[in-house]
Amino acid sequence: MASYKLSHGLRTLGLILLVYALHAPFVAAVHAGERHALVIAVDQFERARDLRNPAHDAEALAERLQTLGYVLHGGSAHLNPDRIGMLALMRAFAADVPEGATAVVFLAGHGLSEGGDTYLVPSDDAALQTRADLTDHAVALRSLTARLAARPGVHSVVLVDACRANGLRGDGPGAGGTGDLVTSSTGSTSLIYAAAPGQIAADGEGANSPFTAALLHALETPQEPLEVLFRRVASHLHAQSDGAQTPWMVRSYGDVGPVHLVAR
C-alpha cells in the first residue's frame, strides 16, 4: 500500500512538472508580442536651468507609442518626478514588464556624464552641486538598464534625450564608471542617446527637441529594424543641427536577431 502511494505520488508530481514545462513556453510566447513603455521627462528644477521642451517631447512620444500598440506605464507620461519618484517608476516598470516583451523607455531632461556613466537630473536637484554628489542626488541610468536586463527575454530600448557632458566642479563619485549598458543573457538591450559622449543635446526652439523631432519622424514608418530607424534619426538630426549633434547607439543583442519596435 505504501509503495502504491509513493509511486502514485511520483506520477502525480511528474504530471504536474510536465504540465508546467509545457505551459511555460506558452506563457513566454503569449507575452512575446507585448509592448510596454515608460516615458519620463523633467523640465523644472530647483537648481539647474529649466528646460523648454522635455514635457512636450514626452507627451508627443507617449502618444506615438500608444498608437503603435504600447501600453504606457501609469497610462501617460510622467513629468517632473523627484529622485525617489524617478527611481520608483523605474523599479515598478521593470518589475511589471512581462517575460519576452519589448520595453521602450524615453527619458528627457538634463543629463550628466561621469566616468562612462550617465546620470539623470531629477526635479529636486538643490543638493546636486559637485560631481561627488551624483551618486546620492542624481539617478544613474544603469539603475534602470540593470533591472531591465535581468528580466527574462525582454528586449529593452532606452531613448535618452539629454546632454552627455558635465559642467559640475570637483571630482567624480569614485573610480571609473561601469557604463550604462548591461548585457541581457536572454534578451537584448539597446541604448540610443540624443548626443555623442561629451556633447550637448539641444533643447530646441520648436515644438520638440531636435532629437525627439527626428525620432518622431523616423517612427512614421516603425516596422524597420532598430538599426535602420537609428540611421534615419541620425541622418535627420545631422541635417537639422548642421552636424553639431550626433546621436549615439550602443547595444547588446546576445543570440537574438534584429530588434523591431513594431512587429513586421
Protein backbone atom coordinates (compact mmCIF):
# COMPACT_ATOMS: atom_id res chain seq x y z
CA MET A 1 0.00 0.00 0.00
CA ALA A 2 2.82 2.40 0.92
CA SER A 3 4.59 1.54 -2.34
CA TYR A 4 1.42 2.27 -4.30
CA LYS A 5 1.01 5.66 -2.60
CA LEU A 6 4.64 6.55 -3.32
CA SER A 7 4.50 5.59 -6.99
CA HIS A 8 1.13 7.30 -7.39
CA GLY A 9 2.54 10.46 -5.79
CA LEU A 10 5.56 10.42 -8.08
CA ARG A 11 3.32 10.03 -11.14
CA THR A 12 1.20 12.96 -9.97
CA LEU A 13 4.30 15.09 -9.40
CA GLY A 14 5.63 14.10 -12.81
CA LEU A 15 2.34 15.12 -14.43
CA ILE A 16 2.43 18.49 -12.66
CA LEU A 17 6.01 19.10 -13.82
CA LEU A 18 5.11 18.08 -17.37
CA VAL A 19 2.16 20.46 -17.44
CA TYR A 20 4.35 23.28 -16.13
CA ALA A 21 7.07 22.54 -18.68
CA LEU A 22 4.53 22.65 -21.50
CA HIS A 23 2.84 25.73 -20.11
CA ALA A 24 5.95 27.87 -19.52
CA PRO A 25 6.89 28.26 -23.22
CA PHE A 26 3.26 29.08 -23.96
CA VAL A 27 3.30 31.87 -21.39
CA ALA A 28 6.51 33.27 -22.88
CA ALA A 29 5.00 33.07 -26.36
CA VAL A 30 1.88 34.89 -25.23
CA HIS A 31 3.95 37.78 -23.85
CA ALA A 32 6.46 37.83 -26.72
CA GLY A 33 4.34 40.23 -28.77
CA GLU A 34 3.57 42.59 -25.91
CA ARG A 35 4.90 46.13 -25.98
CA HIS A 36 5.31 48.27 -22.86
CA ALA A 37 6.68 51.79 -22.43
CA LEU A 38 7.79 54.16 -19.70
CA VAL A 39 8.04 57.88 -20.51
CA ILE A 40 9.68 60.33 -18.07
CA ALA A 41 10.55 63.99 -18.56
CA VAL A 42 11.94 66.63 -16.22
CA ASP A 43 11.95 70.28 -17.28
CA GLN A 44 11.61 72.11 -13.94
CA PHE A 45 14.42 72.06 -11.40
CA GLU A 46 15.33 73.52 -8.04
CA ARG A 47 18.87 74.44 -9.10
CA ALA A 48 19.52 73.69 -12.77
CA ARG A 49 18.16 75.80 -15.61
CA ASP A 50 14.58 74.95 -16.53
CA LEU A 51 14.09 73.49 -19.99
CA ARG A 52 11.58 74.29 -22.72
CA ASN A 53 10.74 71.01 -24.41
CA PRO A 54 11.06 67.80 -22.33
CA ALA A 55 7.37 67.74 -21.34
CA HIS A 56 6.30 68.40 -24.95
CA ASP A 57 8.68 65.69 -26.14
CA ALA A 58 7.44 63.15 -23.59
CA GLU A 59 3.79 63.76 -24.34
CA ALA A 60 4.33 63.57 -28.10
CA LEU A 61 6.32 60.34 -27.85
CA ALA A 62 3.86 58.80 -25.39
CA GLU A 63 1.05 59.47 -27.85
CA ARG A 64 3.03 57.97 -30.73
CA LEU A 65 3.92 54.85 -28.74
CA GLN A 66 0.29 54.34 -27.80
CA THR A 67 -0.71 54.46 -31.46
CA LEU A 68 1.92 51.78 -32.09
CA GLY A 69 0.30 49.48 -29.53
CA TYR A 70 2.46 50.16 -26.49
CA VAL A 71 0.98 50.02 -23.02
CA LEU A 72 2.11 53.14 -21.17
CA HIS A 73 3.19 52.59 -17.58
CA GLY A 74 0.82 54.67 -15.48
CA GLY A 75 -1.28 55.49 -18.55
CA SER A 76 0.62 58.66 -19.52
CA ALA A 77 3.98 60.42 -19.48
CA HIS A 78 5.44 61.12 -16.04
CA LEU A 79 6.51 64.74 -15.66
CA ASN A 80 8.96 66.26 -13.17
CA PRO A 81 9.42 63.41 -10.68
CA ASP A 82 11.87 63.89 -7.83
CA ARG A 83 14.74 61.44 -7.38
CA ILE A 84 12.79 58.99 -5.22
CA GLY A 85 9.86 59.15 -7.60
CA MET A 86 12.01 58.54 -10.67
CA LEU A 87 13.70 55.53 -9.11
CA ALA A 88 10.32 54.16 -8.02
CA LEU A 89 8.96 54.47 -11.57
CA MET A 90 11.97 52.63 -12.98
CA ARG A 91 11.71 49.83 -10.42
CA ALA A 92 7.98 49.38 -10.92
CA PHE A 93 8.22 49.40 -14.71
CA ALA A 94 11.00 46.83 -14.83
CA ALA A 95 9.08 44.59 -12.43
CA ASP A 96 5.88 44.85 -14.50
CA VAL A 97 7.36 44.11 -17.94
CA PRO A 98 6.33 40.55 -18.86
CA GLU A 99 8.78 37.91 -19.99
CA GLY A 100 9.60 38.18 -23.69
CA ALA A 101 8.08 41.64 -24.15
CA THR A 102 9.52 44.71 -25.85
CA ALA A 103 10.16 47.55 -23.38
CA VAL A 104 10.75 51.12 -24.56
CA VAL A 105 11.83 53.82 -22.11
CA PHE A 106 12.06 57.50 -23.06
CA LEU A 107 13.93 59.87 -20.74
CA ALA A 108 14.16 63.62 -21.36
CA GLY A 109 15.77 66.39 -19.32
CA HIS A 110 19.20 67.33 -18.04
CA GLY A 111 21.84 64.61 -18.21
CA LEU A 112 25.38 64.46 -16.86
CA SER A 113 28.15 62.07 -17.90
CA GLU A 114 30.81 60.93 -15.47
CA GLY A 115 33.37 58.18 -15.98
CA GLY A 116 31.33 56.50 -18.71
CA ASP A 117 28.11 56.58 -16.70
CA THR A 118 25.08 58.70 -17.50
CA TYR A 119 23.17 60.40 -14.68
CA LEU A 120 19.71 61.93 -14.99
CA VAL A 121 18.90 65.08 -13.03
CA PRO A 122 15.65 64.89 -11.01
CA SER A 123 13.46 67.87 -10.20
CA ASP A 124 14.77 68.04 -6.59
CA ASP A 125 18.36 68.81 -7.56
CA ALA A 126 19.21 71.51 -4.98
CA ALA A 127 21.92 69.33 -3.40
CA LEU A 128 23.47 68.36 -6.75
CA GLN A 129 26.36 70.83 -6.81
CA THR A 130 29.55 68.84 -7.46
CA ARG A 131 30.49 65.65 -9.27
CA ALA A 132 30.77 63.87 -5.94
CA ASP A 133 27.03 64.46 -5.42
CA LEU A 134 25.97 62.44 -8.46
CA THR A 135 25.61 59.08 -6.72
CA ASP A 136 23.31 60.37 -3.99
CA HIS A 137 21.43 63.17 -5.73
CA ALA A 138 21.07 62.10 -9.38
CA VAL A 139 19.73 58.93 -10.99
CA ALA A 140 22.21 56.59 -12.68
CA LEU A 141 20.89 55.27 -16.00
CA ARG A 142 22.41 51.91 -15.09
CA SER A 143 19.89 51.58 -12.24
CA LEU A 144 17.28 51.17 -14.97
CA THR A 145 19.21 49.14 -17.53
CA ALA A 146 20.37 46.59 -14.96
CA ARG A 147 16.79 45.91 -13.90
CA LEU A 148 15.56 45.55 -17.47
CA ALA A 149 18.45 43.26 -18.41
CA ALA A 150 17.50 40.96 -15.53
CA ARG A 151 14.01 40.40 -16.95
CA PRO A 152 13.88 37.10 -18.92
CA GLY A 153 13.71 37.53 -22.67
CA VAL A 154 12.91 41.24 -22.58
CA HIS A 155 14.10 43.40 -25.47
CA SER A 156 14.64 46.86 -23.98
CA VAL A 157 15.20 50.07 -25.93
CA VAL A 158 16.16 53.12 -23.85
CA LEU A 159 15.98 56.53 -25.53
CA VAL A 160 17.85 59.32 -23.73
CA ASP A 161 17.17 62.89 -24.84
CA ALA A 162 19.68 64.58 -22.55
CA CYS A 163 23.19 66.03 -22.60
CA ARG A 164 26.22 63.81 -22.19
CA ALA A 165 28.58 66.46 -20.87
CA ASN A 166 29.29 67.51 -17.29
CA GLY A 167 29.78 71.06 -16.09
CA LEU A 168 29.85 70.25 -12.38
CA ARG A 169 33.01 71.07 -10.47
CA GLY A 170 35.16 68.68 -8.46
CA ASP A 171 35.97 65.01 -8.83
CA GLY A 172 33.56 62.22 -9.64
CA PRO A 173 31.95 59.90 -7.09
CA GLY A 174 34.74 57.35 -7.25
CA ALA A 175 36.67 55.08 -9.56
CA GLY A 176 35.86 54.79 -13.25
CA GLY A 177 32.25 54.05 -14.06
CA THR A 178 30.87 50.72 -15.20
CA GLY A 179 28.92 52.16 -18.12
CA ASP A 180 25.21 52.34 -18.89
CA LEU A 181 24.91 49.14 -20.91
CA VAL A 182 24.05 45.95 -19.04
CA THR A 183 24.06 42.75 -21.08
CA SER A 184 20.98 40.56 -21.03
CA SER A 185 21.61 36.81 -21.24
CA THR A 186 18.17 36.04 -22.74
CA GLY A 187 17.03 39.28 -24.37
CA SER A 188 18.64 42.42 -25.72
CA THR A 189 19.49 45.94 -24.59
CA SER A 190 19.75 48.97 -26.88
CA LEU A 191 20.62 52.48 -25.73
CA ILE A 192 20.03 55.40 -28.07
CA TYR A 193 21.32 58.79 -26.92
CA ALA A 194 20.49 62.19 -28.37
CA ALA A 195 24.18 63.09 -28.38
CA ALA A 196 27.63 61.56 -28.55
CA PRO A 197 29.81 61.38 -25.41
CA GLY A 198 30.75 64.87 -24.29
CA GLN A 199 28.15 66.57 -26.48
CA ILE A 200 25.25 68.85 -25.60
CA ALA A 201 21.75 67.74 -26.63
CA ALA A 202 19.87 70.82 -27.81
CA ASP A 203 16.56 71.66 -26.15
CA GLY A 204 15.30 73.26 -29.35
CA GLU A 205 13.21 76.29 -30.18
CA GLY A 206 10.38 74.47 -31.95
CA ALA A 207 7.61 72.23 -30.68
CA ASN A 208 10.11 69.46 -29.86
CA SER A 209 13.80 68.99 -29.29
CA PRO A 210 15.83 68.19 -32.42
CA PHE A 211 16.36 64.58 -31.28
CA THR A 212 12.70 63.95 -30.46
CA ALA A 213 11.62 65.58 -33.71
CA ALA A 214 13.95 63.22 -35.60
CA LEU A 215 12.68 60.26 -33.60
CA LEU A 216 9.03 61.09 -34.27
CA HIS A 217 9.85 61.44 -37.96
CA ALA A 218 11.53 58.02 -38.03
CA LEU A 219 8.59 56.41 -36.22
CA GLU A 220 6.27 57.32 -39.07
CA THR A 221 7.46 54.03 -40.60
CA PRO A 222 8.24 52.00 -37.46
CA GLN A 223 8.43 48.47 -38.89
CA GLU A 224 12.11 48.70 -39.84
CA PRO A 225 14.82 47.09 -37.67
CA LEU A 226 16.05 49.30 -34.86
CA GLU A 227 19.41 49.93 -36.57
CA VAL A 228 17.61 51.28 -39.65
CA LEU A 229 15.44 53.55 -37.52
CA PHE A 230 18.54 54.83 -35.75
CA ARG A 231 20.28 55.64 -39.03
CA ARG A 232 17.22 57.62 -40.11
CA VAL A 233 17.23 59.51 -36.78
CA ALA A 234 20.94 60.23 -37.18
CA SER A 235 20.55 61.45 -40.75
CA HIS A 236 17.62 63.73 -39.87
CA LEU A 237 19.32 65.12 -36.75
CA HIS A 238 22.63 65.71 -38.53
CA ALA A 239 20.85 67.72 -41.21
CA GLN A 240 18.76 69.73 -38.74
CA SER A 241 21.73 70.57 -36.47
CA ASP A 242 24.27 71.22 -39.25
CA GLY A 243 26.35 68.39 -37.81
CA ALA A 244 26.54 69.86 -34.30
CA GLN A 245 24.68 66.99 -32.64
CA THR A 246 25.42 63.34 -33.28
CA PRO A 247 23.12 60.68 -31.81
CA TRP A 248 24.80 57.61 -30.37
CA MET A 249 23.75 53.99 -30.12
CA VAL A 250 25.16 51.11 -28.09
CA ARG A 251 23.59 47.68 -27.92
CA SER A 252 23.94 44.13 -26.70
CA TYR A 253 21.85 41.59 -28.58
CA GLY A 254 23.22 38.25 -27.40
CA ASP A 255 21.95 35.49 -29.68
CA VAL A 256 18.76 37.25 -30.79
CA GLY A 257 18.19 38.65 -34.25
CA PRO A 258 17.27 42.20 -35.26
CA VAL A 259 15.02 44.08 -32.84
CA HIS A 260 11.86 45.77 -34.10
CA LEU A 261 9.85 48.32 -32.14
CA VAL A 262 6.78 47.08 -34.01
CA ALA A 263 6.36 43.57 -35.40
CA ARG A 264 6.57 43.40 -39.17
